[in-house]
Amino acid sequence: LAAECRFNDCSHQSEPGCAVQAALEAGTIDAARLARWQKLLAE
């Protein structure tokens, strides 16, 4: 999903064209799992 974002350096927070946030709003991905993924990437 992240590869479909408009910007290569998208943080998946509030950027326009974020495919991850769009999927979250559509209910196709789990918010808790998304948070764990972001935490692991940042760590």
PDB file of all heavy atoms in Angstrom:
ATOM      1  N   LEU A   1       0.832  -1.208   0.000  1.00  0.00           N
ATOM      2  CA  LEU A   1       0.000   0.000   0.000  1.00  0.00           C
ATOM      3  C   LEU A   1       0.861   1.251   0.000  1.00  0.00           C
ATOM      4  O   LEU A   1       0.590   2.217  -0.710  1.00  0.00           O
ATOM      5  CB  LEU A   1      -0.903   0.006   1.240  1.00  0.00           C
ATOM      6  CG  LEU A   1      -2.300  -0.610   1.121  1.00  0.00           C
ATOM      7  CD1 LEU A   1      -2.994  -0.562   2.472  1.00  0.00           C
ATOM      8  CD2 LEU A   1      -3.133   0.109   0.068  1.00  0.00           C
ATOM      9  N   ALA A   2       1.920   1.229   0.816  1.00  0.00           N
ATOM     10  CA  ALA A   2       2.802   2.390   0.937  1.00  0.00           C
ATOM     11  C   ALA A   2       3.435   2.750  -0.404  1.00  0.00           C
ATOM     12  O   ALA A   2       3.714   3.922  -0.672  1.00  0.00           O
ATOM     13  CB  ALA A   2       3.883   2.115   1.977  1.00  0.00           C
ATOM     14  N   ALA A   3       3.653   1.746  -1.234  1.00  0.00           N
ATOM     15  CA  ALA A   3       4.257   1.988  -2.547  1.00  0.00           C
ATOM     16  C   ALA A   3       3.311   2.769  -3.471  1.00  0.00           C
ATOM     17  O   ALA A   3       3.747   3.334  -4.478  1.00  0.00           O
ATOM     18  CB  ALA A   3       4.644   0.663  -3.193  1.00  0.00           C
ATOM     19  N   GLU A   4       2.022   2.810  -3.124  1.00  0.00           N
ATOM     20  CA  GLU A   4       1.027   3.509  -3.945  1.00  0.00           C
ATOM     21  C   GLU A   4       0.815   4.961  -3.503  1.00  0.00           C
ATOM     22  O   GLU A   4       0.048   5.689  -4.134  1.00  0.00           O
ATOM     23  CB  GLU A   4      -0.309   2.755  -3.887  1.00  0.00           C
ATOM     24  CG  GLU A   4      -0.240   1.326  -4.440  1.00  0.00           C
ATOM     25  CD  GLU A   4      -1.552   0.580  -4.260  1.00  0.00           C
ATOM     26  OE1 GLU A   4      -2.554   1.233  -3.878  1.00  0.00           O
ATOM     27  OE2 GLU A   4      -1.577  -0.648  -4.499  1.00  0.00           O
ATOM     28  N   CYS A   5       1.480   5.350  -2.409  1.00  0.00           N
ATOM     29  CA  CYS A   5       1.325   6.729  -1.929  1.00  0.00           C
ATOM     30  C   CYS A   5       1.894   7.718  -2.947  1.00  0.00           C
ATOM     31  O   CYS A   5       2.824   7.396  -3.694  1.00  0.00           O
ATOM     32  CB  CYS A   5       2.028   6.905  -0.581  1.00  0.00           C
ATOM     33  SG  CYS A   5       1.245   5.991   0.773  1.00  0.00           S
ATOM     34  N   ARG A   6       1.357   8.933  -2.958  1.00  0.00           N
ATOM     35  CA  ARG A   6       1.791   9.942  -3.924  1.00  0.00           C
ATOM     36  C   ARG A   6       3.260  10.335  -3.725  1.00  0.00           C
ATOM     37  O   ARG A   6       3.997  10.532  -4.677  1.00  0.00           O
ATOM     38  CB  ARG A   6       0.919  11.201  -3.813  1.00  0.00           C
ATOM     39  CG  ARG A   6       1.260  12.289  -4.818  1.00  0.00           C
ATOM     40  CD  ARG A   6       0.424  13.526  -4.600  1.00  0.00           C
ATOM     41  NE  ARG A   6      -1.000  13.229  -4.716  1.00  0.00           N
ATOM     42  CZ  ARG A   6      -1.968  14.138  -4.483  1.00  0.00           C
ATOM     43  NH1 ARG A   6      -1.634  15.377  -4.115  1.00  0.00           N
ATOM     44  NH2 ARG A   6      -3.234  13.799  -4.601  1.00  0.00           N
ATOM     45  N   PHE A   7       3.665  10.414  -2.441  1.00  0.00           N
ATOM     46  CA  PHE A   7       5.033  10.833  -2.138  1.00  0.00           C
ATOM     47  C   PHE A   7       5.855   9.658  -1.625  1.00  0.00           C
ATOM     48  O   PHE A   7       5.385   8.867  -0.802  1.00  0.00           O
ATOM     49  CB  PHE A   7       5.021  11.950  -1.087  1.00  0.00           C
ATOM     50  CG  PHE A   7       4.211  13.153  -1.487  1.00  0.00           C
ATOM     51  CD1 PHE A   7       3.001  13.423  -0.877  1.00  0.00           C
ATOM     52  CD2 PHE A   7       4.661  14.001  -2.492  1.00  0.00           C
ATOM     53  CE1 PHE A   7       2.244  14.519  -1.247  1.00  0.00           C
ATOM     54  CE2 PHE A   7       3.910  15.104  -2.865  1.00  0.00           C
ATOM     55  CZ  PHE A   7       2.694  15.367  -2.252  1.00  0.00           C
ATOM     56  N   ASN A   8       7.101   9.575  -2.110  1.00  0.00           N
ATOM     57  CA  ASN A   8       7.976   8.467  -1.708  1.00  0.00           C
ATOM     58  C   ASN A   8       8.307   8.495  -0.217  1.00  0.00           C
ATOM     59  O   ASN A   8       8.532   7.450   0.386  1.00  0.00           O
ATOM     60  CB  ASN A   8       9.280   8.502  -2.517  1.00  0.00           C
ATOM     61  CG  ASN A   8       9.053   8.191  -3.977  1.00  0.00           C
ATOM     62  OD1 ASN A   8       8.111   7.490  -4.317  1.00  0.00           O
ATOM     63  ND2 ASN A   8       9.909   8.713  -4.837  1.00  0.00           N
ATOM     64  N   ASP A   9       8.362   9.706   0.364  1.00  0.00           N
ATOM     65  CA  ASP A   9       8.705   9.830   1.775  1.00  0.00           C
ATOM     66  C   ASP A   9       7.468  10.018   2.655  1.00  0.00           C
ATOM     67  O   ASP A   9       7.543  10.611   3.737  1.00  0.00           O
ATOM     68  CB  ASP A   9       9.677  10.992   1.996  1.00  0.00           C
ATOM     69  CG  ASP A   9       9.102  12.330   1.532  1.00  0.00           C
ATOM     70  OD1 ASP A   9       8.055  12.313   0.850  1.00  0.00           O
ATOM     71  OD2 ASP A   9       9.697  13.384   1.868  1.00  0.00           O
ATOM     72  N   CYS A  10       6.337   9.517   2.199  1.00  0.00           N
ATOM     73  CA  CYS A  10       5.073   9.663   2.929  1.00  0.00           C
ATOM     74  C   CYS A  10       5.192   9.027   4.312  1.00  0.00           C
ATOM     75  O   CYS A  10       5.664   7.891   4.454  1.00  0.00           O
ATOM     76  CB  CYS A  10       3.946   8.989   2.146  1.00  0.00           C
ATOM     77  SG  CYS A  10       2.314   9.168   2.914  1.00  0.00           S
ATOM     78  N   SER A  11       4.763   9.744   5.344  1.00  0.00           N
ATOM     79  CA  SER A  11       4.798   9.216   6.713  1.00  0.00           C
ATOM     80  C   SER A  11       3.485   8.542   7.085  1.00  0.00           C
ATOM     81  O   SER A  11       3.332   8.051   8.204  1.00  0.00           O
ATOM     82  CB  SER A  11       5.092  10.347   7.703  1.00  0.00           C
ATOM     83  OG  SER A  11       4.032  11.293   7.717  1.00  0.00           O
ATOM     84  N   HIS A  12       2.513   8.563   6.155  1.00  0.00           N
ATOM     85  CA  HIS A  12       1.210   7.919   6.351  1.00  0.00           C
ATOM     86  C   HIS A  12       0.449   8.528   7.525  1.00  0.00           C
ATOM     87  O   HIS A  12      -0.212   7.820   8.296  1.00  0.00           O
ATOM     88  CB  HIS A  12       1.372   6.401   6.527  1.00  0.00           C
ATOM     89  CG  HIS A  12       2.362   5.794   5.593  1.00  0.00           C
ATOM     90  ND1 HIS A  12       2.250   5.891   4.223  1.00  0.00           N
ATOM     91  CD2 HIS A  12       3.508   5.092   5.828  1.00  0.00           C
ATOM     92  CE1 HIS A  12       3.275   5.281   3.646  1.00  0.00           C
ATOM     93  NE2 HIS A  12       4.057   4.803   4.596  1.00  0.00           N
ATOM     94  N   GLN A  13       0.559   9.869   7.641  1.00  0.00           N
ATOM     95  CA  GLN A  13      -0.154  10.565   8.705  1.00  0.00           C
ATOM     96  C   GLN A  13      -1.254  11.437   8.103  1.00  0.00           C
ATOM     97  O   GLN A  13      -2.425  11.107   8.210  1.00  0.00           O
ATOM     98  CB  GLN A  13       0.835  11.412   9.519  1.00  0.00           C
ATOM     99  CG  GLN A  13       1.925  10.616  10.215  1.00  0.00           C
ATOM    100  CD  GLN A  13       1.381   9.718  11.308  1.00  0.00           C
ATOM    101  OE1 GLN A  13       0.340   9.988  11.896  1.00  0.00           O
ATOM    102  NE2 GLN A  13       2.091   8.624  11.582  1.00  0.00           N
ATOM    103  N   SER A  14      -0.846  12.535   7.462  1.00  0.00           N
ATOM    104  CA  SER A  14      -1.857  13.458   6.924  1.00  0.00           C
ATOM    105  C   SER A  14      -1.525  13.950   5.516  1.00  0.00           C
ATOM    106  O   SER A  14      -2.152  14.880   5.015  1.00  0.00           O
ATOM    107  CB  SER A  14      -1.993  14.663   7.862  1.00  0.00           C
ATOM    108  OG  SER A  14      -0.742  15.307   8.037  1.00  0.00           O
ATOM    109  N   GLU A  15      -0.531  13.309   4.868  1.00  0.00           N
ATOM    110  CA  GLU A  15      -0.151  13.749   3.523  1.00  0.00           C
ATOM    111  C   GLU A  15      -1.265  13.466   2.508  1.00  0.00           C
ATOM    112  O   GLU A  15      -1.971  12.460   2.624  1.00  0.00           O
ATOM    113  CB  GLU A  15       1.130  13.028   3.064  1.00  0.00           C
ATOM    114  CG  GLU A  15       2.372  13.399   3.845  1.00  0.00           C
ATOM    115  CD  GLU A  15       2.588  12.472   5.029  1.00  0.00           C
ATOM    116  OE1 GLU A  15       1.605  11.836   5.472  1.00  0.00           O
ATOM    117  OE2 GLU A  15       3.726  12.396   5.508  1.00  0.00           O
ATOM    118  N   PRO A  16      -1.432  14.347   1.518  1.00  0.00           N
ATOM    119  CA  PRO A  16      -2.422  14.073   0.458  1.00  0.00           C
ATOM    120  C   PRO A  16      -1.969  12.897  -0.403  1.00  0.00           C
ATOM    121  O   PRO A  16      -0.774  12.682  -0.599  1.00  0.00           O
ATOM    122  CB  PRO A  16      -2.420  15.379  -0.357  1.00  0.00           C
ATOM    123  CG  PRO A  16      -1.070  15.992  -0.097  1.00  0.00           C
ATOM    124  CD  PRO A  16      -0.742  15.644   1.324  1.00  0.00           C
ATOM    125  N   GLY A  17      -2.915  12.114  -0.858  1.00  0.00           N
ATOM    126  CA  GLY A  17      -2.593  10.976  -1.718  1.00  0.00           C
ATOM    127  C   GLY A  17      -1.986   9.804  -0.976  1.00  0.00           C
ATOM    128  O   GLY A  17      -1.315   8.969  -1.592  1.00  0.00           O
ATOM    129  N   CYS A  18      -2.225   9.718   0.324  1.00  0.00           N
ATOM    130  CA  CYS A  18      -1.679   8.596   1.105  1.00  0.00           C
ATOM    131  C   CYS A  18      -2.583   7.376   0.961  1.00  0.00           C
ATOM    132  O   CYS A  18      -3.731   7.377   1.430  1.00  0.00           O
ATOM    133  CB  CYS A  18      -1.546   8.974   2.579  1.00  0.00           C
ATOM    134  SG  CYS A  18      -0.985   7.607   3.627  1.00  0.00           S
ATOM    135  N   ALA A  19      -2.080   6.328   0.333  1.00  0.00           N
ATOM    136  CA  ALA A  19      -2.867   5.117   0.107  1.00  0.00           C
ATOM    137  C   ALA A  19      -3.146   4.378   1.410  1.00  0.00           C
ATOM    138  O   ALA A  19      -4.185   3.730   1.557  1.00  0.00           O
ATOM    139  CB  ALA A  19      -2.129   4.205  -0.875  1.00  0.00           C
ATOM    140  N   VAL A  20      -2.229   4.491   2.366  1.00  0.00           N
ATOM    141  CA  VAL A  20      -2.404   3.796   3.650  1.00  0.00           C
ATOM    142  C   VAL A  20      -3.546   4.417   4.436  1.00  0.00           C
ATOM    143  O   VAL A  20      -4.407   3.708   4.975  1.00  0.00           O
ATOM    144  CB  VAL A  20      -1.089   3.840   4.469  1.00  0.00           C
ATOM    145  CG1 VAL A  20      -1.311   3.247   5.859  1.00  0.00           C
ATOM    146  CG2 VAL A  20       0.009   3.082   3.739  1.00  0.00           C
ATOM    147  N   GLN A  21      -3.569   5.762   4.530  1.00  0.00           N
ATOM    148  CA  GLN A  21      -4.653   6.434   5.249  1.00  0.00           C
ATOM    149  C   GLN A  21      -5.993   6.218   4.548  1.00  0.00           C
ATOM    150  O   GLN A  21      -7.044   6.086   5.213  1.00  0.00           O
ATOM    151  CB  GLN A  21      -4.356   7.936   5.352  1.00  0.00           C
ATOM    152  CG  GLN A  21      -3.332   8.295   6.419  1.00  0.00           C
ATOM    153  CD  GLN A  21      -3.795   7.939   7.824  1.00  0.00           C
ATOM    154  OE1 GLN A  21      -4.970   8.117   8.156  1.00  0.00           O
ATOM    155  NE2 GLN A  21      -2.886   7.414   8.635  1.00  0.00           N
ATOM    156  N   ALA A  22      -5.973   6.142   3.237  1.00  0.00           N
ATOM    157  CA  ALA A  22      -7.217   5.894   2.489  1.00  0.00           C
ATOM    158  C   ALA A  22      -7.776   4.510   2.823  1.00  0.00           C
ATOM    159  O   ALA A  22      -8.986   4.339   3.005  1.00  0.00           O
ATOM    160  CB  ALA A  22      -6.952   6.010   0.982  1.00  0.00           C
ATOM    161  N   ALA A  23      -6.871   3.522   2.919  1.00  0.00           N
ATOM    162  CA  ALA A  23      -7.299   2.165   3.269  1.00  0.00           C
ATOM    163  C   ALA A  23      -7.812   2.110   4.697  1.00  0.00           C
ATOM    164  O   ALA A  23      -8.766   1.382   5.009  1.00  0.00           O
ATOM    165  CB  ALA A  23      -6.128   1.201   3.086  1.00  0.00           C
ATOM    166  N   LEU A  24      -7.193   2.894   5.590  1.00  0.00           N
ATOM    167  CA  LEU A  24      -7.641   2.928   6.989  1.00  0.00           C
ATOM    168  C   LEU A  24      -9.041   3.528   7.077  1.00  0.00           C
ATOM    169  O   LEU A  24      -9.910   3.002   7.791  1.00  0.00           O
ATOM    170  CB  LEU A  24      -6.655   3.757   7.814  1.00  0.00           C
ATOM    171  CG  LEU A  24      -6.941   3.858   9.318  1.00  0.00           C
ATOM    172  CD1 LEU A  24      -6.873   2.489   9.975  1.00  0.00           C
ATOM    173  CD2 LEU A  24      -5.959   4.816   9.989  1.00  0.00           C
ATOM    174  N   GLU A  25      -9.271   4.619   6.363  1.00  0.00           N
ATOM    175  CA  GLU A  25     -10.589   5.259   6.360  1.00  0.00           C
ATOM    176  C   GLU A  25     -11.651   4.349   5.744  1.00  0.00           C
ATOM    177  O   GLU A  25     -12.810   4.365   6.163  1.00  0.00           O
ATOM    178  CB  GLU A  25     -10.528   6.582   5.600  1.00  0.00           C
ATOM    179  CG  GLU A  25      -9.707   7.663   6.314  1.00  0.00           C
ATOM    180  CD  GLU A  25      -9.511   8.902   5.460  1.00  0.00           C
ATOM    181  OE1 GLU A  25     -10.154   8.983   4.381  1.00  0.00           O
ATOM    182  OE2 GLU A  25      -8.730   9.780   5.863  1.00  0.00           O
ATOM    183  N   ALA A  26     -11.234   3.527   4.768  1.00  0.00           N
ATOM    184  CA  ALA A  26     -12.179   2.601   4.122  1.00  0.00           C
ATOM    185  C   ALA A  26     -12.433   1.363   4.967  1.00  0.00           C
ATOM    186  O   ALA A  26     -13.325   0.567   4.659  1.00  0.00           O
ATOM    187  CB  ALA A  26     -11.642   2.195   2.753  1.00  0.00           C
ATOM    188  N   GLY A  27     -11.633   1.185   6.034  1.00  0.00           N
ATOM    189  CA  GLY A  27     -11.824   0.044   6.922  1.00  0.00           C
ATOM    190  C   GLY A  27     -11.232  -1.251   6.412  1.00  0.00           C
ATOM    191  O   GLY A  27     -11.568  -2.330   6.903  1.00  0.00           O
ATOM    192  N   THR A  28     -10.317  -1.174   5.431  1.00  0.00           N
ATOM    193  CA  THR A  28      -9.726  -2.388   4.862  1.00  0.00           C
ATOM    194  C   THR A  28      -8.453  -2.825   5.583  1.00  0.00           C
ATOM    195  O   THR A  28      -7.931  -3.906   5.332  1.00  0.00           O
ATOM    196  CB  THR A  28      -9.418  -2.191   3.364  1.00  0.00           C
ATOM    197  OG1 THR A  28      -8.557  -1.059   3.203  1.00  0.00           O
ATOM    198  CG2 THR A  28     -10.706  -1.976   2.584  1.00  0.00           C
ATOM    199  N   ILE A  29      -7.925  -1.958   6.460  1.00  0.00           N
ATOM    200  CA  ILE A  29      -6.777  -2.359   7.280  1.00  0.00           C
ATOM    201  C   ILE A  29      -7.079  -2.036   8.737  1.00  0.00           C
ATOM    202  O   ILE A  29      -7.913  -1.189   9.040  1.00  0.00           O
ATOM    203  CB  ILE A  29      -5.465  -1.651   6.837  1.00  0.00           C
ATOM    204  CG1 ILE A  29      -5.590  -0.130   6.966  1.00  0.00           C
ATOM    205  CG2 ILE A  29      -5.079  -2.058   5.428  1.00  0.00           C
ATOM    206  CD1 ILE A  29      -4.289   0.612   6.666  1.00  0.00           C
ATOM    207  N   ASP A  30      -6.383  -2.721   9.638  1.00  0.00           N
ATOM    208  CA  ASP A  30      -6.620  -2.581  11.070  1.00  0.00           C
ATOM    209  C   ASP A  30      -5.740  -1.467  11.648  1.00  0.00           C
ATOM    210  O   ASP A  30      -4.518  -1.432  11.402  1.00  0.00           O
ATOM    211  CB  ASP A  30      -6.313  -3.908  11.763  1.00  0.00           C
ATOM    212  CG  ASP A  30      -6.495  -3.829  13.264  1.00  0.00           C
ATOM    213  OD1 ASP A  30      -7.638  -3.614  13.705  1.00  0.00           O
ATOM    214  OD2 ASP A  30      -5.486  -3.981  13.989  1.00  0.00           O
ATOM    215  N   ALA A  31      -6.340  -0.565  12.412  1.00  0.00           N
ATOM    216  CA  ALA A  31      -5.612   0.582  12.957  1.00  0.00           C
ATOM    217  C   ALA A  31      -4.513   0.147  13.928  1.00  0.00           C
ATOM    218  O   ALA A  31      -3.408   0.718  13.914  1.00  0.00           O
ATOM    219  CB  ALA A  31      -6.586   1.532  13.665  1.00  0.00           C
ATOM    220  N   ALA A  32      -4.776  -0.854  14.757  1.00  0.00           N
ATOM    221  CA  ALA A  32      -3.773  -1.314  15.731  1.00  0.00           C
ATOM    222  C   ALA A  32      -2.574  -1.934  15.015  1.00  0.00           C
ATOM    223  O   ALA A  32      -1.421  -1.713  15.403  1.00  0.00           O
ATOM    224  CB  ALA A  32      -4.400  -2.321  16.692  1.00  0.00           C
ATOM    225  N   ARG A  33      -2.849  -2.711  13.970  1.00  0.00           N
ATOM    226  CA  ARG A  33      -1.765  -3.338  13.214  1.00  0.00           C
ATOM    227  C   ARG A  33      -0.945  -2.277  12.478  1.00  0.00           C
ATOM    228  O   ARG A  33       0.286  -2.374  12.392  1.00  0.00           O
ATOM    229  CB  ARG A  33      -2.342  -4.352  12.227  1.00  0.00           C
ATOM    230  CG  ARG A  33      -1.298  -5.175  11.491  1.00  0.00           C
ATOM    231  CD  ARG A  33      -1.921  -6.412  10.844  1.00  0.00           C
ATOM    232  NE  ARG A  33      -0.941  -7.119  10.043  1.00  0.00           N
ATOM    233  CZ  ARG A  33      -0.697  -6.867   8.761  1.00  0.00           C
ATOM    234  NH1 ARG A  33      -1.390  -5.908   8.138  1.00  0.00           N
ATOM    235  NH2 ARG A  33       0.220  -7.542   8.087  1.00  0.00           N
ATOM    236  N   LEU A  34      -1.624  -1.265  11.948  1.00  0.00           N
ATOM    237  CA  LEU A  34      -0.928  -0.156  11.281  1.00  0.00           C
ATOM    238  C   LEU A  34       0.011   0.537  12.263  1.00  0.00           C
ATOM    239  O   LEU A  34       1.163   0.846  11.923  1.00  0.00           O
ATOM    240  CB  LEU A  34      -1.940   0.840  10.718  1.00  0.00           C
ATOM    241  CG  LEU A  34      -1.376   2.166  10.173  1.00  0.00           C
ATOM    242  CD1 LEU A  34      -0.416   1.918   9.022  1.00  0.00           C
ATOM    243  CD2 LEU A  34      -2.515   3.095   9.736  1.00  0.00           C
ATOM    244  N   ALA A  35      -0.458   0.761  13.481  1.00  0.00           N
ATOM    245  CA  ALA A  35       0.367   1.431  14.496  1.00  0.00           C
ATOM    246  C   ALA A  35       1.589   0.590  14.846  1.00  0.00           C
ATOM    247  O   ALA A  35       2.698   1.120  15.016  1.00  0.00           O
ATOM    248  CB  ALA A  35      -0.472   1.693  15.751  1.00  0.00           C
ATOM    249  N   ARG A  36       1.422  -0.733  14.924  1.00  0.00           N
ATOM    250  CA  ARG A  36       2.566  -1.612  15.234  1.00  0.00           C
ATOM    251  C   ARG A  36       3.582  -1.583  14.089  1.00  0.00           C
ATOM    252  O   ARG A  36       4.796  -1.608  14.321  1.00  0.00           O
ATOM    253  CB  ARG A  36       2.082  -3.041  15.493  1.00  0.00           C
ATOM    254  CG  ARG A  36       1.219  -3.201  16.734  1.00  0.00           C
ATOM    255  CD  ARG A  36       1.116  -4.656  17.169  1.00  0.00           C
ATOM    256  NE  ARG A  36       0.567  -5.530  16.162  1.00  0.00           N
ATOM    257  CZ  ARG A  36      -0.737  -5.784  16.001  1.00  0.00           C
ATOM    258  NH1 ARG A  36      -1.626  -5.196  16.799  1.00  0.00           N
ATOM    259  NH2 ARG A  36      -1.153  -6.606  15.067  1.00  0.00           N
ATOM    260  N   TRP A  37       3.091  -1.556  12.868  1.00  0.00           N
ATOM    261  CA  TRP A  37       3.981  -1.500  11.695  1.00  0.00           C
ATOM    262  C   TRP A  37       4.798  -0.216  11.712  1.00  0.00           C
ATOM    263  O   TRP A  37       6.026  -0.243  11.524  1.00  0.00           O
ATOM    264  CB  TRP A  37       3.135  -1.590  10.418  1.00  0.00           C
ATOM    265  CG  TRP A  37       3.876  -1.384   9.128  1.00  0.00           C
ATOM    266  CD1 TRP A  37       4.911  -2.133   8.644  1.00  0.00           C
ATOM    267  CD2 TRP A  37       3.638  -0.364   8.152  1.00  0.00           C
ATOM    268  NE1 TRP A  37       5.323  -1.653   7.418  1.00  0.00           N
ATOM    269  CE2 TRP A  37       4.555  -0.563   7.098  1.00  0.00           C
ATOM    270  CE3 TRP A  37       2.730   0.681   8.063  1.00  0.00           C
ATOM    271  CZ2 TRP A  37       4.585   0.252   5.972  1.00  0.00           C
ATOM    272  CZ3 TRP A  37       2.757   1.500   6.942  1.00  0.00           C
ATOM    273  CH2 TRP A  37       3.681   1.286   5.911  1.00  0.00           C
ATOM    274  N   GLN A  38       4.134   0.913  11.943  1.00  0.00           N
ATOM    275  CA  GLN A  38       4.825   2.192  11.966  1.00  0.00           C
ATOM    276  C   GLN A  38       5.845   2.253  13.102  1.00  0.00           C
ATOM    277  O   GLN A  38       6.933   2.805  12.940  1.00  0.00           O
ATOM    278  CB  GLN A  38       3.809   3.331  12.090  1.00  0.00           C
ATOM    279  CG  GLN A  38       2.953   3.503  10.828  1.00  0.00           C
ATOM    280  CD  GLN A  38       1.900   4.582  10.985  1.00  0.00           C
ATOM    281  OE1 GLN A  38       1.210   4.656  12.004  1.00  0.00           O
ATOM    282  NE2 GLN A  38       1.760   5.428   9.974  1.00  0.00           N
ATOM    283  N   LYS A  39       5.493   1.678  14.244  1.00  0.00           N
ATOM    284  CA  LYS A  39       6.422   1.668  15.382  1.00  0.00           C
ATOM    285  C   LYS A  39       7.668   0.851  15.064  1.00  0.00           C
ATOM    286  O   LYS A  39       8.793   1.273  15.346  1.00  0.00           O
ATOM    287  CB  LYS A  39       5.722   1.098  16.611  1.00  0.00           C
ATOM    288  CG  LYS A  39       6.615   1.083  17.854  1.00  0.00           C
ATOM    289  CD  LYS A  39       5.878   0.534  19.055  1.00  0.00           C
ATOM    290  CE  LYS A  39       6.793   0.507  20.281  1.00  0.00           C
ATOM    291  NZ  LYS A  39       6.090  -0.023  21.478  1.00  0.00           N
ATOM    292  N   LEU A  40       7.478  -0.328  14.448  1.00  0.00           N
ATOM    293  CA  LEU A  40       8.623  -1.171  14.102  1.00  0.00           C
ATOM    294  C   LEU A  40       9.521  -0.506  13.061  1.00  0.00           C
ATOM    295  O   LEU A  40      10.746  -0.567  13.163  1.00  0.00           O
ATOM    296  CB  LEU A  40       8.147  -2.534  13.581  1.00  0.00           C
ATOM    297  CG  LEU A  40       7.803  -3.600  14.611  1.00  0.00           C
ATOM    298  CD1 LEU A  40       7.481  -4.913  13.912  1.00  0.00           C
ATOM    299  CD2 LEU A  40       8.946  -3.806  15.577  1.00  0.00           C
ATOM    300  N   LEU A  41       8.908   0.126  12.062  1.00  0.00           N
ATOM    301  CA  LEU A  41       9.699   0.815  11.036  1.00  0.00           C
ATOM    302  C   LEU A  41      10.529   1.937  11.643  1.00  0.00           C
ATOM    303  O   LEU A  41      11.724   2.076  11.350  1.00  0.00           O
ATOM    304  CB  LEU A  41       8.772   1.391   9.960  1.00  0.00           C
ATOM    305  CG  LEU A  41       8.263   0.441   8.875  1.00  0.00           C
ATOM    306  CD1 LEU A  41       7.356   1.193   7.910  1.00  0.00           C
ATOM    307  CD2 LEU A  41       9.425  -0.195   8.112  1.00  0.00           C
ATOM    308  N   ALA A  42       9.892   2.742  12.515  1.00  0.00           N
ATOM    309  CA  ALA A  42      10.599   3.862  13.139  1.00  0.00           C
ATOM    310  C   ALA A  42      11.730   3.356  14.035  1.00  0.00           C
ATOM    311  O   ALA A  42      12.841   3.902  14.024  1.00  0.00           O
ATOM    312  CB  ALA A  42       9.620   4.710  13.949  1.00  0.00           C
ATOM    313  N   GLU A  43      11.466   2.305  14.784  1.00  0.00           N
ATOM    314  CA  GLU A  43      12.480   1.725  15.684  1.00  0.00           C
ATOM    315  C   GLU A  43      13.661   1.182  14.889  1.00  0.00           C
ATOM    316  O   GLU A  43      14.822   1.429  15.231  1.00  0.00           O
ATOM    317  CB  GLU A  43      11.846   0.604  16.505  1.00  0.00           C
ATOM    318  CG  GLU A  43      12.812  -0.159  17.388  1.00  0.00           C
ATOM    319  CD  GLU A  43      12.136  -1.346  18.039  1.00  0.00           C
ATOM    320  OE1 GLU A  43      11.132  -1.148  18.742  1.00  0.00           O
ATOM    321  OE2 GLU A  43      12.590  -2.487  17.839  1.00  0.00           O
TER     322      GLU A  43
END
